[in-house]
Amino acid sequence: IEHMRHLASVTVGRCDTIVNTMHNTPFTDMNDSEGEVQQAGYAAFDSGGRVLELLAAMLPACSINADRVRRTTEAACITITELADTLVRDEWLSFRQAHEIAAHTARTVIRDGIALGQGYAAFTAAFRAETGRDTALDPAAFETATAPETFVARRDRPGGPAPAALDRAFATYRESWAHIATRRQVRHTRLTEADTALGAAFDRLLET
């Protein structure tokens, strides 16, 4: 993955080289920079193609260890921001108060070596210390707020990991890919026809 990231960054840099070289085309003789620019262009396609080949080989070989993902999620309190968001929505707290409570809860469960979803006692103590009252969230609501499934499901806006957001994103990608493929085919057909017409024109010249 790190190798692909490096190659992808190199490819982007080479593409930037082309753009940054061509931005002043109207004011210069581009013959002066043909060699270097074309080399960078070919190199961009070369490294970009390598990235795609590596990605195509890697993805089918990947698998997800769901149990390990859950353990890591719980140990690192990854869903703690959803708890803070829940407190803002349901308890009408400020973002500062909500994040103070969430941070204290996370520190306590990490110290005690328990999962975030099991930290209701730590949460209620932090809530009471911050607000001076008891929380309206019961243990079930707290567990729901800190569950990975909730964290994912509520992030359903563009770019989010929820299934609905991913479905929309994939549909957009497929539409874009189809458009690119159509344009590529049109361009390929035009070039083929132009090559044929050029050959025919030369043949006519030779005949005369």
N, C-alpha and C. Protein backbone atom coordinates (compact mmCIF):
# COMPACT_ATOMS: atom_id res chain seq x y z
N ILE A 1 0.84 -1.19 0.00
CA ILE A 1 0.00 0.00 0.00
C ILE A 1 0.88 1.26 0.00
N GLU A 2 1.92 1.25 0.83
CA GLU A 2 2.81 2.41 0.87
C GLU A 2 3.52 2.60 -0.48
N HIS A 3 3.87 1.50 -1.12
CA HIS A 3 4.52 1.59 -2.43
C HIS A 3 3.56 2.21 -3.45
N MET A 4 2.30 1.80 -3.41
CA MET A 4 1.31 2.37 -4.33
C MET A 4 1.08 3.85 -4.04
N ARG A 5 1.04 4.19 -2.76
CA ARG A 5 0.85 5.60 -2.40
C ARG A 5 2.00 6.44 -2.95
N HIS A 6 3.22 5.91 -2.82
CA HIS A 6 4.38 6.63 -3.34
C HIS A 6 4.29 6.79 -4.86
N LEU A 7 3.97 5.69 -5.55
CA LEU A 7 3.87 5.75 -7.01
C LEU A 7 2.76 6.70 -7.45
N ALA A 8 1.64 6.69 -6.73
CA ALA A 8 0.53 7.58 -7.06
C ALA A 8 0.95 9.04 -6.90
N SER A 9 1.70 9.33 -5.83
CA SER A 9 2.17 10.70 -5.61
C SER A 9 3.14 11.12 -6.70
N VAL A 10 4.02 10.20 -7.11
CA VAL A 10 4.96 10.49 -8.20
C VAL A 10 4.19 10.80 -9.48
N THR A 11 3.13 10.02 -9.74
CA THR A 11 2.33 10.23 -10.94
C THR A 11 1.66 11.59 -10.93
N VAL A 12 1.09 11.97 -9.79
CA VAL A 12 0.46 13.28 -9.68
C VAL A 12 1.49 14.39 -9.91
N GLY A 13 2.68 14.21 -9.35
CA GLY A 13 3.73 15.20 -9.55
C GLY A 13 4.11 15.35 -11.02
N ARG A 14 4.18 14.23 -11.73
CA ARG A 14 4.51 14.29 -13.15
C ARG A 14 3.40 14.96 -13.95
N CYS A 15 2.15 14.70 -13.57
CA CYS A 15 1.03 15.39 -14.24
C CYS A 15 1.09 16.89 -13.98
N ASP A 16 1.42 17.27 -12.74
CA ASP A 16 1.57 18.69 -12.43
C ASP A 16 2.67 19.33 -13.26
N THR A 17 3.72 18.56 -13.52
CA THR A 17 4.81 19.07 -14.36
C THR A 17 4.29 19.48 -15.73
N ILE A 18 3.44 18.63 -16.31
CA ILE A 18 2.87 18.93 -17.63
C ILE A 18 2.04 20.21 -17.57
N VAL A 19 1.15 20.28 -16.59
CA VAL A 19 0.26 21.44 -16.48
C VAL A 19 1.06 22.72 -16.24
N ASN A 20 2.02 22.65 -15.33
CA ASN A 20 2.80 23.85 -15.00
C ASN A 20 3.70 24.29 -16.16
N THR A 21 4.08 23.35 -17.01
CA THR A 21 4.88 23.71 -18.18
C THR A 21 4.00 24.34 -19.27
N MET A 22 2.78 23.84 -19.42
CA MET A 22 1.92 24.26 -20.52
C MET A 22 1.15 25.54 -20.22
N HIS A 23 1.19 26.04 -18.98
CA HIS A 23 0.33 27.18 -18.65
C HIS A 23 0.71 28.45 -19.41
N ASN A 24 1.97 28.53 -19.87
CA ASN A 24 2.39 29.73 -20.60
C ASN A 24 2.59 29.46 -22.09
N THR A 25 1.92 28.44 -22.59
CA THR A 25 2.06 28.06 -24.01
C THR A 25 1.83 29.22 -24.98
N PRO A 26 0.83 30.10 -24.78
CA PRO A 26 0.60 31.17 -25.76
C PRO A 26 1.77 32.14 -25.89
N PHE A 27 2.69 32.13 -24.93
CA PHE A 27 3.75 33.13 -24.92
C PHE A 27 5.13 32.56 -25.23
N THR A 28 5.19 31.34 -25.72
CA THR A 28 6.51 30.76 -25.95
C THR A 28 6.46 29.79 -27.12
N ASP A 29 7.61 29.42 -27.58
CA ASP A 29 7.74 28.40 -28.62
C ASP A 29 7.85 27.05 -27.93
N MET A 30 6.81 26.23 -28.02
CA MET A 30 6.78 24.98 -27.28
C MET A 30 7.79 23.97 -27.80
N ASN A 31 8.37 24.24 -28.97
CA ASN A 31 9.42 23.34 -29.45
C ASN A 31 10.61 23.32 -28.49
N ASP A 32 10.77 24.40 -27.73
CA ASP A 32 11.90 24.48 -26.81
C ASP A 32 11.77 23.49 -25.65
N SER A 33 10.55 23.04 -25.37
CA SER A 33 10.36 22.17 -24.21
C SER A 33 9.74 20.83 -24.56
N GLU A 34 9.71 20.51 -25.83
CA GLU A 34 9.04 19.27 -26.25
C GLU A 34 9.65 18.04 -25.59
N GLY A 35 10.97 17.92 -25.64
CA GLY A 35 11.61 16.70 -25.14
C GLY A 35 11.32 16.44 -23.68
N GLU A 36 11.57 17.43 -22.83
CA GLU A 36 11.37 17.25 -21.39
C GLU A 36 9.91 17.01 -21.05
N VAL A 37 9.03 17.77 -21.70
CA VAL A 37 7.60 17.64 -21.40
C VAL A 37 7.07 16.28 -21.83
N GLN A 38 7.46 15.84 -23.00
CA GLN A 38 6.99 14.54 -23.47
C GLN A 38 7.53 13.41 -22.60
N GLN A 39 8.77 13.53 -22.15
CA GLN A 39 9.32 12.52 -21.25
C GLN A 39 8.51 12.45 -19.96
N ALA A 40 8.17 13.62 -19.41
CA ALA A 40 7.36 13.63 -18.18
C ALA A 40 5.98 13.04 -18.43
N GLY A 41 5.42 13.32 -19.61
CA GLY A 41 4.10 12.77 -19.93
C GLY A 41 4.11 11.26 -20.03
N TYR A 42 5.09 10.72 -20.75
CA TYR A 42 5.20 9.26 -20.84
C TYR A 42 5.47 8.64 -19.48
N ALA A 43 6.29 9.31 -18.67
CA ALA A 43 6.59 8.79 -17.33
C ALA A 43 5.34 8.78 -16.45
N ALA A 44 4.47 9.78 -16.62
CA ALA A 44 3.23 9.82 -15.84
C ALA A 44 2.34 8.63 -16.18
N PHE A 45 2.22 8.33 -17.47
CA PHE A 45 1.43 7.16 -17.86
C PHE A 45 2.07 5.87 -17.37
N ASP A 46 3.40 5.83 -17.37
CA ASP A 46 4.10 4.62 -16.93
C ASP A 46 3.85 4.35 -15.45
N SER A 47 4.09 5.35 -14.60
CA SER A 47 3.90 5.14 -13.16
C SER A 47 2.42 5.00 -12.81
N GLY A 48 1.56 5.74 -13.51
CA GLY A 48 0.12 5.60 -13.27
C GLY A 48 -0.38 4.22 -13.62
N GLY A 49 0.11 3.67 -14.73
CA GLY A 49 -0.27 2.31 -15.11
C GLY A 49 0.20 1.28 -14.10
N ARG A 50 1.39 1.50 -13.55
CA ARG A 50 1.90 0.58 -12.52
C ARG A 50 1.03 0.62 -11.27
N VAL A 51 0.58 1.82 -10.90
CA VAL A 51 -0.31 1.94 -9.74
C VAL A 51 -1.59 1.14 -9.96
N LEU A 52 -2.20 1.29 -11.13
CA LEU A 52 -3.45 0.60 -11.42
C LEU A 52 -3.25 -0.92 -11.46
N GLU A 53 -2.13 -1.36 -12.01
CA GLU A 53 -1.86 -2.80 -12.05
C GLU A 53 -1.69 -3.37 -10.64
N LEU A 54 -0.94 -2.65 -9.80
CA LEU A 54 -0.75 -3.10 -8.42
C LEU A 54 -2.07 -3.11 -7.66
N LEU A 55 -2.87 -2.06 -7.86
CA LEU A 55 -4.16 -1.98 -7.17
C LEU A 55 -5.08 -3.11 -7.60
N ALA A 56 -5.10 -3.41 -8.90
CA ALA A 56 -5.94 -4.48 -9.41
C ALA A 56 -5.50 -5.83 -8.88
N ALA A 57 -4.22 -6.00 -8.61
CA ALA A 57 -3.73 -7.27 -8.06
C ALA A 57 -3.96 -7.35 -6.56
N MET A 58 -3.91 -6.20 -5.88
CA MET A 58 -4.02 -6.20 -4.42
C MET A 58 -5.45 -6.40 -3.92
N LEU A 59 -6.39 -5.67 -4.53
CA LEU A 59 -7.76 -5.66 -4.00
C LEU A 59 -8.38 -7.06 -3.94
N PRO A 60 -8.27 -7.89 -4.98
CA PRO A 60 -8.87 -9.23 -4.87
C PRO A 60 -8.22 -10.09 -3.79
N ALA A 61 -6.99 -9.76 -3.41
CA ALA A 61 -6.29 -10.56 -2.40
C ALA A 61 -6.58 -10.08 -0.98
N CYS A 62 -7.31 -8.98 -0.86
CA CYS A 62 -7.58 -8.42 0.47
C CYS A 62 -8.74 -9.15 1.15
N SER A 63 -8.68 -9.20 2.46
CA SER A 63 -9.78 -9.73 3.26
C SER A 63 -9.87 -8.89 4.53
N ILE A 64 -11.03 -8.91 5.16
CA ILE A 64 -11.27 -8.11 6.36
C ILE A 64 -11.49 -9.04 7.54
N ASN A 65 -10.71 -8.85 8.57
CA ASN A 65 -10.87 -9.59 9.82
C ASN A 65 -11.83 -8.78 10.69
N ALA A 66 -13.11 -9.11 10.61
CA ALA A 66 -14.13 -8.31 11.29
C ALA A 66 -13.92 -8.28 12.80
N ASP A 67 -13.53 -9.40 13.38
CA ASP A 67 -13.31 -9.44 14.83
C ASP A 67 -12.18 -8.50 15.24
N ARG A 68 -11.12 -8.51 14.48
CA ARG A 68 -9.99 -7.64 14.81
C ARG A 68 -10.36 -6.18 14.62
N VAL A 69 -11.12 -5.88 13.57
CA VAL A 69 -11.56 -4.51 13.35
C VAL A 69 -12.38 -4.02 14.53
N ARG A 70 -13.29 -4.87 15.02
CA ARG A 70 -14.12 -4.48 16.16
C ARG A 70 -13.26 -4.27 17.41
N ARG A 71 -12.31 -5.17 17.64
CA ARG A 71 -11.45 -5.02 18.83
C ARG A 71 -10.64 -3.74 18.76
N THR A 72 -10.12 -3.45 17.58
CA THR A 72 -9.33 -2.23 17.41
C THR A 72 -10.21 -1.00 17.59
N THR A 73 -11.41 -1.06 17.04
CA THR A 73 -12.35 0.06 17.17
C THR A 73 -12.67 0.33 18.63
N GLU A 74 -12.93 -0.73 19.38
CA GLU A 74 -13.26 -0.57 20.79
C GLU A 74 -12.06 -0.10 21.60
N ALA A 75 -10.89 -0.66 21.33
CA ALA A 75 -9.70 -0.31 22.10
C ALA A 75 -9.28 1.14 21.87
N ALA A 76 -9.48 1.63 20.65
CA ALA A 76 -9.06 3.00 20.31
C ALA A 76 -10.18 4.02 20.47
N CYS A 77 -11.37 3.58 20.88
CA CYS A 77 -12.52 4.48 21.05
C CYS A 77 -12.79 5.29 19.78
N ILE A 78 -12.73 4.61 18.66
CA ILE A 78 -12.89 5.30 17.37
C ILE A 78 -14.26 5.96 17.24
N THR A 79 -15.28 5.38 17.88
CA THR A 79 -16.64 5.91 17.73
C THR A 79 -16.98 6.98 18.76
N ILE A 80 -16.00 7.48 19.48
CA ILE A 80 -16.28 8.43 20.55
C ILE A 80 -16.88 9.73 20.03
N THR A 81 -16.55 10.10 18.79
CA THR A 81 -17.12 11.34 18.25
C THR A 81 -18.62 11.22 18.04
N GLU A 82 -19.10 10.01 17.77
CA GLU A 82 -20.55 9.83 17.62
C GLU A 82 -21.24 10.01 18.96
N LEU A 83 -20.59 9.61 20.05
CA LEU A 83 -21.15 9.87 21.38
C LEU A 83 -21.28 11.37 21.60
N ALA A 84 -20.26 12.13 21.25
CA ALA A 84 -20.33 13.58 21.41
C ALA A 84 -21.45 14.17 20.55
N ASP A 85 -21.57 13.71 19.31
CA ASP A 85 -22.64 14.19 18.44
C ASP A 85 -24.01 13.87 19.02
N THR A 86 -24.14 12.67 19.60
CA THR A 86 -25.41 12.27 20.21
C THR A 86 -25.76 13.18 21.37
N LEU A 87 -24.78 13.55 22.17
CA LEU A 87 -25.03 14.44 23.31
C LEU A 87 -25.47 15.82 22.84
N VAL A 88 -24.91 16.28 21.75
CA VAL A 88 -25.33 17.58 21.21
C VAL A 88 -26.77 17.51 20.71
N ARG A 89 -27.10 16.42 20.01
CA ARG A 89 -28.45 16.28 19.44
C ARG A 89 -29.50 16.01 20.51
N ASP A 90 -29.21 15.05 21.40
CA ASP A 90 -30.24 14.55 22.31
C ASP A 90 -30.24 15.23 23.67
N GLU A 91 -29.09 15.71 24.11
CA GLU A 91 -29.01 16.33 25.44
C GLU A 91 -28.90 17.85 25.36
N TRP A 92 -28.84 18.38 24.15
CA TRP A 92 -28.76 19.82 23.92
C TRP A 92 -27.54 20.45 24.60
N LEU A 93 -26.44 19.74 24.55
CA LEU A 93 -25.20 20.28 25.10
C LEU A 93 -24.44 21.04 24.01
N SER A 94 -23.52 21.88 24.44
CA SER A 94 -22.64 22.54 23.47
C SER A 94 -21.60 21.53 22.98
N PHE A 95 -20.98 21.85 21.86
CA PHE A 95 -19.93 20.96 21.36
C PHE A 95 -18.79 20.83 22.37
N ARG A 96 -18.47 21.93 23.03
CA ARG A 96 -17.38 21.87 24.00
C ARG A 96 -17.72 20.93 25.14
N GLN A 97 -18.94 21.08 25.70
CA GLN A 97 -19.35 20.19 26.79
C GLN A 97 -19.38 18.73 26.33
N ALA A 98 -19.96 18.50 25.17
CA ALA A 98 -20.09 17.13 24.67
C ALA A 98 -18.73 16.48 24.48
N HIS A 99 -17.79 17.23 23.94
CA HIS A 99 -16.47 16.65 23.69
C HIS A 99 -15.66 16.51 24.98
N GLU A 100 -15.91 17.36 25.95
CA GLU A 100 -15.27 17.18 27.26
C GLU A 100 -15.73 15.86 27.89
N ILE A 101 -17.02 15.61 27.84
CA ILE A 101 -17.58 14.37 28.39
C ILE A 101 -17.05 13.16 27.63
N ALA A 102 -17.06 13.26 26.31
CA ALA A 102 -16.58 12.15 25.49
C ALA A 102 -15.11 11.86 25.75
N ALA A 103 -14.30 12.91 25.85
CA ALA A 103 -12.87 12.72 26.09
C ALA A 103 -12.61 12.08 27.45
N HIS A 104 -13.32 12.53 28.46
CA HIS A 104 -13.14 11.95 29.80
C HIS A 104 -13.57 10.49 29.81
N THR A 105 -14.67 10.19 29.12
CA THR A 105 -15.14 8.80 29.04
C THR A 105 -14.11 7.92 28.35
N ALA A 106 -13.55 8.41 27.25
CA ALA A 106 -12.55 7.64 26.51
C ALA A 106 -11.32 7.39 27.35
N ARG A 107 -10.84 8.41 28.04
CA ARG A 107 -9.65 8.23 28.88
C ARG A 107 -9.89 7.20 29.98
N THR A 108 -11.09 7.21 30.53
CA THR A 108 -11.40 6.28 31.63
C THR A 108 -11.46 4.84 31.15
N VAL A 109 -12.15 4.59 30.03
CA VAL A 109 -12.28 3.21 29.56
C VAL A 109 -10.94 2.67 29.06
N ILE A 110 -10.13 3.53 28.47
CA ILE A 110 -8.80 3.09 28.04
C ILE A 110 -7.95 2.75 29.25
N ARG A 111 -8.03 3.57 30.28
CA ARG A 111 -7.28 3.29 31.51
C ARG A 111 -7.73 1.99 32.15
N ASP A 112 -9.04 1.74 32.13
CA ASP A 112 -9.58 0.53 32.76
C ASP A 112 -9.49 -0.69 31.86
N GLY A 113 -9.11 -0.50 30.59
CA GLY A 113 -8.97 -1.63 29.68
C GLY A 113 -10.27 -2.28 29.28
N ILE A 114 -11.34 -1.48 29.16
CA ILE A 114 -12.63 -2.02 28.75
C ILE A 114 -13.07 -1.37 27.45
N ALA A 115 -14.05 -2.00 26.78
CA ALA A 115 -14.56 -1.45 25.53
C ALA A 115 -15.38 -0.20 25.80
N LEU A 116 -15.43 0.69 24.83
CA LEU A 116 -16.19 1.93 24.99
C LEU A 116 -17.65 1.65 25.28
N GLY A 117 -18.22 0.66 24.60
CA GLY A 117 -19.63 0.33 24.83
C GLY A 117 -19.94 -0.14 26.23
N GLN A 118 -18.90 -0.54 26.98
CA GLN A 118 -19.08 -0.98 28.36
C GLN A 118 -18.77 0.13 29.37
N GLY A 119 -18.55 1.33 28.87
CA GLY A 119 -18.15 2.42 29.75
C GLY A 119 -19.27 3.33 30.19
N TYR A 120 -20.46 2.77 30.38
CA TYR A 120 -21.60 3.62 30.76
C TYR A 120 -21.37 4.30 32.10
N ALA A 121 -20.79 3.58 33.06
CA ALA A 121 -20.55 4.18 34.39
C ALA A 121 -19.58 5.36 34.27
N ALA A 122 -18.53 5.19 33.49
CA ALA A 122 -17.58 6.29 33.29
C ALA A 122 -18.26 7.47 32.60
N PHE A 123 -19.14 7.17 31.67
CA PHE A 123 -19.85 8.22 30.95
C PHE A 123 -20.77 9.00 31.87
N THR A 124 -21.56 8.30 32.68
CA THR A 124 -22.50 9.00 33.56
C THR A 124 -21.76 9.87 34.57
N ALA A 125 -20.62 9.39 35.06
CA ALA A 125 -19.84 10.20 36.00
C ALA A 125 -19.30 11.45 35.31
N ALA A 126 -18.80 11.30 34.10
CA ALA A 126 -18.28 12.45 33.36
C ALA A 126 -19.40 13.43 33.01
N PHE A 127 -20.56 12.91 32.66
CA PHE A 127 -21.70 13.76 32.31
C PHE A 127 -22.14 14.57 33.52
N ARG A 128 -22.24 13.92 34.67
CA ARG A 128 -22.67 14.61 35.89
C ARG A 128 -21.65 15.66 36.31
N ALA A 129 -20.37 15.35 36.16
CA ALA A 129 -19.34 16.30 36.55
C ALA A 129 -19.34 17.53 35.64
N GLU A 130 -19.68 17.35 34.40
CA GLU A 130 -19.65 18.46 33.44
C GLU A 130 -20.91 19.29 33.48
N THR A 131 -22.08 18.65 33.68
CA THR A 131 -23.36 19.36 33.56
C THR A 131 -24.06 19.59 34.89
N GLY A 132 -23.69 18.82 35.90
CA GLY A 132 -24.36 18.94 37.19
C GLY A 132 -25.71 18.25 37.24
N ARG A 133 -26.01 17.41 36.27
CA ARG A 133 -27.26 16.66 36.26
C ARG A 133 -27.01 15.28 35.69
N ASP A 134 -28.05 14.43 35.77
CA ASP A 134 -27.94 13.09 35.22
C ASP A 134 -28.28 13.09 33.73
N THR A 135 -27.72 12.15 33.02
CA THR A 135 -27.99 12.04 31.59
C THR A 135 -29.33 11.36 31.33
N ALA A 136 -29.94 11.70 30.21
CA ALA A 136 -31.18 11.04 29.80
C ALA A 136 -30.90 9.75 29.04
N LEU A 137 -29.65 9.51 28.68
CA LEU A 137 -29.30 8.29 27.94
C LEU A 137 -29.23 7.11 28.90
N ASP A 138 -29.99 6.06 28.58
CA ASP A 138 -29.88 4.84 29.38
C ASP A 138 -28.76 3.98 28.81
N PRO A 139 -28.42 2.87 29.49
CA PRO A 139 -27.32 2.03 29.00
C PRO A 139 -27.49 1.56 27.56
N ALA A 140 -28.72 1.23 27.16
CA ALA A 140 -28.95 0.76 25.79
C ALA A 140 -28.68 1.88 24.78
N ALA A 141 -29.14 3.10 25.11
CA ALA A 141 -28.91 4.23 24.20
C ALA A 141 -27.43 4.56 24.10
N PHE A 142 -26.72 4.45 25.23
CA PHE A 142 -25.28 4.69 25.22
C PHE A 142 -24.56 3.66 24.36
N GLU A 143 -24.95 2.40 24.50
CA GLU A 143 -24.32 1.34 23.71
C GLU A 143 -24.59 1.54 22.22
N THR A 144 -25.81 1.97 21.90
CA THR A 144 -26.15 2.24 20.50
C THR A 144 -25.31 3.40 19.95
N ALA A 145 -25.17 4.45 20.76
CA ALA A 145 -24.43 5.63 20.31
C ALA A 145 -22.96 5.33 20.06
N THR A 146 -22.41 4.37 20.79
CA THR A 146 -20.98 4.06 20.66
C THR A 146 -20.71 2.84 19.78
N ALA A 147 -21.75 2.23 19.22
CA ALA A 147 -21.57 1.04 18.39
C ALA A 147 -21.00 1.41 17.02
N PRO A 148 -20.09 0.61 16.49
CA PRO A 148 -19.55 0.89 15.15
C PRO A 148 -20.64 0.94 14.08
N GLU A 149 -21.65 0.09 14.22
CA GLU A 149 -22.73 0.07 13.24
C GLU A 149 -23.45 1.42 13.18
N THR A 150 -23.66 2.03 14.34
CA THR A 150 -24.30 3.34 14.39
C THR A 150 -23.40 4.40 13.76
N PHE A 151 -22.13 4.34 14.12
CA PHE A 151 -21.15 5.29 13.59
C PHE A 151 -21.17 5.30 12.06
N VAL A 152 -21.21 4.11 11.47
CA VAL A 152 -21.20 4.00 10.01
C VAL A 152 -22.54 4.44 9.42
N ALA A 153 -23.63 3.94 9.99
CA ALA A 153 -24.96 4.18 9.42
C ALA A 153 -25.33 5.65 9.39
N ARG A 154 -24.90 6.42 10.39
CA ARG A 154 -25.28 7.83 10.46
C ARG A 154 -24.45 8.72 9.54
N ARG A 155 -23.40 8.19 8.98
CA ARG A 155 -22.57 8.98 8.07
C ARG A 155 -22.95 8.65 6.63
N ASP A 156 -24.14 9.14 6.26
CA ASP A 156 -24.72 8.78 4.97
C ASP A 156 -24.66 9.92 3.95
N ARG A 157 -23.85 10.93 4.22
CA ARG A 157 -23.67 12.02 3.26
C ARG A 157 -22.59 11.65 2.25
N PRO A 158 -22.48 12.38 1.15
CA PRO A 158 -21.44 12.06 0.16
C PRO A 158 -20.06 11.98 0.80
N GLY A 159 -19.36 10.90 0.53
CA GLY A 159 -18.06 10.68 1.13
C GLY A 159 -18.10 9.85 2.39
N GLY A 160 -19.30 9.59 2.91
CA GLY A 160 -19.44 8.81 4.13
C GLY A 160 -19.38 7.32 3.87
N PRO A 161 -19.22 6.53 4.94
CA PRO A 161 -19.07 5.07 4.78
C PRO A 161 -20.39 4.30 4.82
N ALA A 162 -21.51 4.98 5.05
CA ALA A 162 -22.79 4.26 5.12
C ALA A 162 -23.11 3.61 3.78
N PRO A 163 -23.81 2.47 3.80
CA PRO A 163 -24.13 1.79 2.53
C PRO A 163 -24.83 2.69 1.52
N ALA A 164 -25.76 3.52 1.97
CA ALA A 164 -26.47 4.39 1.04
C ALA A 164 -25.51 5.37 0.36
N ALA A 165 -24.59 5.93 1.14
CA ALA A 165 -23.62 6.87 0.57
C ALA A 165 -22.69 6.17 -0.40
N LEU A 166 -22.26 4.97 -0.06
CA LEU A 166 -21.38 4.22 -0.95
C LEU A 166 -22.10 3.82 -2.23
N ASP A 167 -23.37 3.43 -2.12
CA ASP A 167 -24.13 3.07 -3.32
C ASP A 167 -24.22 4.25 -4.28
N ARG A 168 -24.50 5.45 -3.72
CA ARG A 168 -24.57 6.64 -4.58
C ARG A 168 -23.21 6.95 -5.20
N ALA A 169 -22.16 6.80 -4.40
CA ALA A 169 -20.82 7.08 -4.92
C ALA A 169 -20.45 6.11 -6.04
N PHE A 170 -20.73 4.82 -5.82
CA PHE A 170 -20.40 3.83 -6.85
C PHE A 170 -21.20 4.07 -8.12
N ALA A 171 -22.46 4.49 -7.97
CA ALA A 171 -23.27 4.80 -9.15
C ALA A 171 -22.67 5.97 -9.92
N THR A 172 -22.19 6.98 -9.19
CA THR A 172 -21.55 8.12 -9.83
C THR A 172 -20.27 7.71 -10.54
N TYR A 173 -19.49 6.84 -9.88
CA TYR A 173 -18.24 6.37 -10.50
C TYR A 173 -18.53 5.57 -11.77
N ARG A 174 -19.56 4.71 -11.70
CA ARG A 174 -19.89 3.92 -12.89
C ARG A 174 -20.35 4.82 -14.04
N GLU A 175 -21.11 5.84 -13.71
CA GLU A 175 -21.57 6.78 -14.75
C GLU A 175 -20.38 7.53 -15.36
N SER A 176 -19.47 7.97 -14.50
CA SER A 176 -18.28 8.67 -15.00
C SER A 176 -17.42 7.76 -15.85
N TRP A 177 -17.28 6.51 -15.40
CA TRP A 177 -16.47 5.55 -16.16
C TRP A 177 -17.09 5.28 -17.53
N ALA A 178 -18.41 5.14 -17.58
CA ALA A 178 -19.08 4.91 -18.86
C ALA A 178 -18.89 6.10 -19.79
N HIS A 179 -18.96 7.31 -19.22
CA HIS A 179 -18.75 8.52 -20.03
C HIS A 179 -17.33 8.57 -20.58
N ILE A 180 -16.35 8.25 -19.73
CA ILE A 180 -14.95 8.24 -20.17
C ILE A 180 -14.73 7.18 -21.25
N ALA A 181 -15.32 6.00 -21.04
CA ALA A 181 -15.16 4.91 -22.02
C ALA A 181 -15.76 5.30 -23.36
N THR A 182 -16.91 5.99 -23.33
CA THR A 182 -17.54 6.43 -24.57
C THR A 182 -16.67 7.45 -25.30
N ARG A 183 -16.15 8.41 -24.54
CA ARG A 183 -15.27 9.42 -25.14
C ARG A 183 -14.02 8.77 -25.73
N ARG A 184 -13.48 7.78 -25.01
CA ARG A 184 -12.28 7.10 -25.49
C ARG A 184 -12.58 6.38 -26.81
N GLN A 185 -13.74 5.73 -26.88
CA GLN A 185 -14.09 5.01 -28.09
C GLN A 185 -14.30 5.96 -29.26
N VAL A 186 -14.94 7.10 -28.99
CA VAL A 186 -15.14 8.10 -30.04
C VAL A 186 -13.80 8.61 -30.55
N ARG A 187 -12.89 8.89 -29.62
CA ARG A 187 -11.57 9.39 -30.01
C ARG A 187 -10.80 8.32 -30.79
N HIS A 188 -10.89 7.08 -30.33
CA HIS A 188 -10.20 6.00 -31.03
C HIS A 188 -10.73 5.83 -32.45
N THR A 189 -12.05 5.92 -32.60
CA THR A 189 -12.67 5.80 -33.93
C THR A 189 -12.22 6.94 -34.83
N ARG A 190 -12.21 8.15 -34.27
CA ARG A 190 -11.79 9.31 -35.07
C ARG A 190 -10.35 9.18 -35.53
N LEU A 191 -9.46 8.73 -34.63
CA LEU A 191 -8.06 8.57 -35.00
C LEU A 191 -7.88 7.48 -36.05
N THR A 192 -8.63 6.39 -35.89
CA THR A 192 -8.54 5.31 -36.87
C THR A 192 -9.00 5.78 -38.24
N GLU A 193 -10.12 6.50 -38.28
CA GLU A 193 -10.63 7.01 -39.55
C GLU A 193 -9.67 8.03 -40.15
N ALA A 194 -9.06 8.86 -39.30
CA ALA A 194 -8.11 9.85 -39.80
C ALA A 194 -6.88 9.16 -40.38
N ASP A 195 -6.42 8.11 -39.72
CA ASP A 195 -5.26 7.37 -40.22
C ASP A 195 -5.57 6.72 -41.57
N THR A 196 -6.78 6.18 -41.67
CA THR A 196 -7.19 5.57 -42.95
C THR A 196 -7.28 6.62 -44.05
N ALA A 197 -7.86 7.78 -43.72
CA ALA A 197 -7.98 8.85 -44.71
C ALA A 197 -6.60 9.36 -45.13
N LEU A 198 -5.68 9.45 -44.16
CA LEU A 198 -4.33 9.91 -44.48
C LEU A 198 -3.63 8.93 -45.42
N GLY A 199 -3.77 7.64 -45.12
CA GLY A 199 -3.17 6.63 -45.99
C GLY A 199 -3.74 6.68 -47.39
N ALA A 200 -5.05 6.87 -47.48
CA ALA A 200 -5.70 6.94 -48.79
C ALA A 200 -5.22 8.16 -49.57
N ALA A 201 -5.03 9.28 -48.85
CA ALA A 201 -4.56 10.50 -49.51
C ALA A 201 -3.16 10.31 -50.07
N PHE A 202 -2.30 9.67 -49.30
CA PHE A 202 -0.94 9.41 -49.79
C PHE A 202 -0.95 8.46 -50.98
N ASP A 203 -1.83 7.48 -50.93
CA ASP A 203 -1.93 6.54 -52.07
C ASP A 203 -2.33 7.28 -53.34
N ARG A 204 -3.25 8.23 -53.21
CA ARG A 204 -3.68 8.99 -54.39
C ARG A 204 -2.54 9.86 -54.93
N LEU A 205 -1.75 10.41 -53.99
CA LEU A 205 -0.61 11.21 -54.43
C LEU A 205 0.41 10.37 -55.17
N LEU A 206 0.63 9.14 -54.67
CA LEU A 206 1.58 8.26 -55.33
C LEU A 206 1.10 7.85 -56.72
N GLU A 207 -0.21 7.71 -56.86
CA GLU A 207 -0.76 7.31 -58.15
C GLU A 207 -0.60 8.40 -59.20
N THR A 208 -0.59 9.65 -58.72
CA THR A 208 -0.43 10.75 -59.66
C THR A 208 1.05 11.04 -59.85
